[in-house]
Amino acid sequence: MKNFVAYFVDALVIVTCSILFLLLPVFMLACIIIEYKWIAVLCIAAFLAVVTIVAVILKKKDKLRKEKERQALK
């Protein structure tokens, strides 16, 4: 049950970040077009934060997978 909750939370974060990953560039371009440049800068910062969060989660999952493979070989 503990693993299910952890996987569910990870999946929820990845799905949410993926949606933001797709929507932020569109919103950023719209802000640039209508000349709200400071909002566009915030969008760029949020976009980079989303990419960083997803990268950290995927790196953690890869590390856990490698650890399980190493344990299985012993």
Protein backbone atom coordinates (compact mmCIF):
# COMPACT_ATOMS: atom_id res chain seq x y z
CA MET A 1 0.00 0.00 0.00
CA LYS A 2 2.89 2.33 0.82
CA ASN A 3 4.41 1.77 -2.64
CA PHE A 4 1.04 2.39 -4.30
CA VAL A 5 0.71 5.79 -2.62
CA ALA A 6 4.28 6.71 -3.57
CA TYR A 7 3.75 5.68 -7.20
CA PHE A 8 0.39 7.47 -7.30
CA VAL A 9 1.91 10.71 -5.99
CA ASP A 10 4.81 10.45 -8.45
CA ALA A 11 2.41 9.81 -11.32
CA LEU A 12 0.23 12.73 -10.26
CA VAL A 13 3.22 15.07 -10.11
CA ILE A 14 4.49 13.91 -13.51
CA VAL A 15 1.08 14.31 -15.16
CA THR A 16 0.59 17.76 -13.63
CA CYS A 17 4.08 18.84 -14.66
CA SER A 18 3.52 17.50 -18.16
CA ILE A 19 0.35 19.55 -18.54
CA LEU A 20 2.16 22.64 -17.27
CA PHE A 21 5.09 21.81 -19.55
CA LEU A 22 2.73 22.01 -22.53
CA LEU A 23 0.70 25.04 -21.44
CA LEU A 24 3.41 27.37 -20.11
CA PRO A 25 5.15 28.06 -23.46
CA VAL A 26 1.79 28.90 -25.07
CA PHE A 27 0.89 31.23 -22.21
CA MET A 28 4.38 32.75 -22.32
CA LEU A 29 4.08 33.52 -26.04
CA ALA A 30 0.65 35.04 -25.50
CA CYS A 31 2.06 37.28 -22.76
CA ILE A 32 4.91 38.40 -25.03
CA ILE A 33 2.46 39.19 -27.83
CA ILE A 34 0.21 41.29 -25.58
CA GLU A 35 3.27 42.90 -23.98
CA TYR A 36 3.10 41.54 -20.44
CA LYS A 37 6.78 40.76 -20.45
CA TRP A 38 7.13 40.36 -16.68
CA ILE A 39 4.49 37.60 -16.74
CA ALA A 40 6.44 35.96 -19.57
CA VAL A 41 9.56 36.00 -17.38
CA LEU A 42 7.59 34.31 -14.59
CA CYS A 43 6.40 31.72 -17.11
CA ILE A 44 9.97 30.99 -18.13
CA ALA A 45 10.92 30.53 -14.47
CA ALA A 46 7.93 28.22 -13.91
CA PHE A 47 8.77 26.28 -17.06
CA LEU A 48 12.33 25.70 -15.84
CA ALA A 49 11.02 24.69 -12.42
CA VAL A 50 8.69 22.13 -14.00
CA VAL A 51 11.52 20.68 -16.08
CA THR A 52 13.73 20.47 -12.99
CA ILE A 53 11.03 18.74 -10.91
CA VAL A 54 10.38 16.14 -13.60
CA ALA A 55 14.12 15.54 -14.06
CA VAL A 56 14.63 15.01 -10.32
CA ILE A 57 11.71 12.57 -10.11
CA LEU A 58 12.90 10.60 -13.13
CA LYS A 59 16.46 10.49 -11.78
CA LYS A 60 15.18 9.22 -8.42
CA LYS A 61 13.12 6.52 -10.14
CA ASP A 62 16.11 5.45 -12.24
CA LYS A 63 18.29 5.26 -9.13
CA LEU A 64 15.70 3.10 -7.36
CA ARG A 65 15.40 0.84 -10.41
CA LYS A 66 19.17 0.35 -10.56
CA GLU A 67 19.27 -0.38 -6.82
CA LYS A 68 16.55 -3.04 -7.21
CA GLU A 69 18.44 -4.61 -10.12
CA ARG A 70 21.62 -4.70 -8.04
CA GLN A 71 19.74 -6.31 -5.14
CA ALA A 72 18.23 -8.89 -7.50
CA LEU A 73 21.70 -9.88 -8.75
CA LYS A 74 22.96 -10.61 -5.23
